Amino acid sequence: MDDMATQVLPDVETRPEGTDSTGTDEPKMFHYVKKNRIAESAVLGNMVQALCGETFPVTRSPKPGSPVCPDCKKIFDGLRPGGDD
């Protein structure tokens, strides 16, 4: 896990996580999920729920320039920095 890139976002408790796998095992886009659920999902395989409502297990970390779900981005951009919701 040490080679995984970590992306720290404002105190909104979310970050993009991959889903929507393609045939090449690369996600088509990344979604924002609550960051306190990421490690648990990655280790235990639990499902997480993205801001847009999609559920999936965390399997990938985003790389710079990765496509982000437009619905998640719209919701994330509307959140107040430092909010707990």
C-alpha atoms as a PDB file:
ATOM      1  CA  MET A   1       0.000   0.000   0.000  1.00  0.00           C
ATOM      2  CA  ASP A   2       2.954   2.347   0.363  1.00  0.00           C
ATOM      3  CA  ASP A   3       3.078   2.960  -3.396  1.00  0.00           C
ATOM      4  CA  MET A   4      -0.549   4.125  -3.561  1.00  0.00           C
ATOM      5  CA  ALA A   5      -0.974   7.831  -4.167  1.00  0.00           C
ATOM      6  CA  THR A   6      -2.920   9.643  -1.471  1.00  0.00           C
ATOM      7  CA  GLN A   7      -4.919  12.680  -2.380  1.00  0.00           C
ATOM      8  CA  VAL A   8      -5.866  14.932   0.527  1.00  0.00           C
ATOM      9  CA  LEU A   9      -8.900  17.076  -0.072  1.00  0.00           C
ATOM     10  CA  PRO A  10     -10.314  19.887   2.033  1.00  0.00           C
ATOM     11  CA  ASP A  11     -11.946  18.822   5.303  1.00  0.00           C
ATOM     12  CA  VAL A  12     -14.996  17.520   3.454  1.00  0.00           C
ATOM     13  CA  GLU A  13     -14.208  13.873   4.261  1.00  0.00           C
ATOM     14  CA  THR A  14     -14.339  12.666   0.671  1.00  0.00           C
ATOM     15  CA  ARG A  15     -11.932  11.697  -2.078  1.00  0.00           C
ATOM     16  CA  PRO A  16     -12.272  10.073  -5.473  1.00  0.00           C
ATOM     17  CA  GLU A  17     -12.309   6.281  -5.659  1.00  0.00           C
ATOM     18  CA  GLY A  18     -12.540   4.114  -8.732  1.00  0.00           C
ATOM     19  CA  THR A  19     -15.420   2.074 -10.036  1.00  0.00           C
ATOM     20  CA  ASP A  20     -16.989   1.307 -13.400  1.00  0.00           C
ATOM     21  CA  SER A  21     -14.275  -1.118 -14.488  1.00  0.00           C
ATOM     22  CA  THR A  22     -13.386  -1.480 -18.138  1.00  0.00           C
ATOM     23  CA  GLY A  23     -12.054  -4.597 -19.858  1.00  0.00           C
ATOM     24  CA  THR A  24      -8.506  -3.438 -19.086  1.00  0.00           C
ATOM     25  CA  ASP A  25      -9.211  -3.451 -15.328  1.00  0.00           C
ATOM     26  CA  GLU A  26      -8.892   0.339 -15.315  1.00  0.00           C
ATOM     27  CA  PRO A  27     -11.867   2.292 -13.926  1.00  0.00           C
ATOM     28  CA  LYS A  28     -13.735   4.481 -16.405  1.00  0.00           C
ATOM     29  CA  MET A  29     -14.098   7.207 -13.776  1.00  0.00           C
ATOM     30  CA  PHE A  30     -13.539   7.900 -10.129  1.00  0.00           C
ATOM     31  CA  HIS A  31     -16.168   8.812  -7.547  1.00  0.00           C
ATOM     32  CA  TYR A  32     -16.001  10.813  -4.319  1.00  0.00           C
ATOM     33  CA  VAL A  33     -16.581   8.756  -1.160  1.00  0.00           C
ATOM     34  CA  LYS A  34     -16.193   9.478   2.559  1.00  0.00           C
ATOM     35  CA  LYS A  35     -12.513   9.032   3.283  1.00  0.00           C
ATOM     36  CA  ASN A  36     -13.088   7.261   6.608  1.00  0.00           C
ATOM     37  CA  ARG A  37     -14.627   4.366   4.615  1.00  0.00           C
ATOM     38  CA  ILE A  38     -11.791   3.995   2.084  1.00  0.00           C
ATOM     39  CA  ALA A  39      -9.290   1.973   4.151  1.00  0.00           C
ATOM     40  CA  GLU A  40     -12.018  -0.262   5.574  1.00  0.00           C
ATOM     41  CA  SER A  41     -13.306  -1.031   2.089  1.00  0.00           C
ATOM     42  CA  ALA A  42      -9.828  -1.590   0.669  1.00  0.00           C
ATOM     43  CA  VAL A  43      -8.914  -4.046   3.457  1.00  0.00           C
ATOM     44  CA  LEU A  44     -12.225  -5.786   4.105  1.00  0.00           C
ATOM     45  CA  GLY A  45     -13.858  -5.403   0.698  1.00  0.00           C
ATOM     46  CA  ASN A  46     -16.882  -3.588   2.158  1.00  0.00           C
ATOM     47  CA  MET A  47     -19.009  -1.552  -0.213  1.00  0.00           C
ATOM     48  CA  VAL A  48     -18.783   2.253  -0.085  1.00  0.00           C
ATOM     49  CA  GLN A  49     -21.346   4.750  -1.327  1.00  0.00           C
ATOM     50  CA  ALA A  50     -20.220   7.608  -3.540  1.00  0.00           C
ATOM     51  CA  LEU A  51     -21.700  11.089  -3.270  1.00  0.00           C
ATOM     52  CA  CYS A  52     -23.717  10.325  -6.425  1.00  0.00           C
ATOM     53  CA  GLY A  53     -25.238   7.224  -4.788  1.00  0.00           C
ATOM     54  CA  GLU A  54     -23.245   4.521  -6.621  1.00  0.00           C
ATOM     55  CA  THR A  55     -22.006   1.678  -4.393  1.00  0.00           C
ATOM     56  CA  PHE A  56     -18.860  -0.375  -5.008  1.00  0.00           C
ATOM     57  CA  PRO A  57     -15.799  -1.785  -3.204  1.00  0.00           C
ATOM     58  CA  VAL A  58     -12.646   0.360  -3.232  1.00  0.00           C
ATOM     59  CA  THR A  59     -10.114  -1.249  -5.577  1.00  0.00           C
ATOM     60  CA  ARG A  60      -8.143   1.634  -7.115  1.00  0.00           C
ATOM     61  CA  SER A  61      -6.658   4.991  -6.187  1.00  0.00           C
ATOM     62  CA  PRO A  62      -6.971   7.907  -8.591  1.00  0.00           C
ATOM     63  CA  LYS A  63      -4.005   9.200 -10.533  1.00  0.00           C
ATOM     64  CA  PRO A  64      -3.649  12.881 -11.445  1.00  0.00           C
ATOM     65  CA  GLY A  65      -5.843  13.634 -14.427  1.00  0.00           C
ATOM     66  CA  SER A  66      -8.162  10.658 -13.848  1.00  0.00           C
ATOM     67  CA  PRO A  67     -11.754  11.272 -14.953  1.00  0.00           C
ATOM     68  CA  VAL A  68     -14.125  12.090 -12.089  1.00  0.00           C
ATOM     69  CA  CYS A  69     -17.850  11.309 -12.026  1.00  0.00           C
ATOM     70  CA  PRO A  70     -19.586  14.573 -13.018  1.00  0.00           C
ATOM     71  CA  ASP A  71     -22.412  14.009 -10.496  1.00  0.00           C
ATOM     72  CA  CYS A  72     -19.949  13.447  -7.630  1.00  0.00           C
ATOM     73  CA  LYS A  73     -17.917  16.507  -8.661  1.00  0.00           C
ATOM     74  CA  LYS A  74     -21.027  18.704  -8.735  1.00  0.00           C
ATOM     75  CA  ILE A  75     -22.067  17.526  -5.254  1.00  0.00           C
ATOM     76  CA  PHE A  76     -18.506  17.816  -3.893  1.00  0.00           C
ATOM     77  CA  ASP A  77     -18.109  21.338  -5.265  1.00  0.00           C
ATOM     78  CA  GLY A  78     -21.339  22.322  -3.478  1.00  0.00           C
ATOM     79  CA  LEU A  79     -20.191  21.075  -0.072  1.00  0.00           C
ATOM     80  CA  ARG A  80     -18.944  23.549   2.507  1.00  0.00           C
ATOM     81  CA  PRO A  81     -15.244  23.188   3.358  1.00  0.00           C
ATOM     82  CA  GLY A  82     -14.923  21.689   6.825  1.00  0.00           C
ATOM     83  CA  GLY A  83     -18.412  20.197   6.821  1.00  0.00           C
ATOM     84  CA  ASP A  84     -19.019  16.860   8.508  1.00  0.00           C
ATOM     85  CA  ASP A  85     -21.901  15.773   6.245  1.00  0.00           C
END
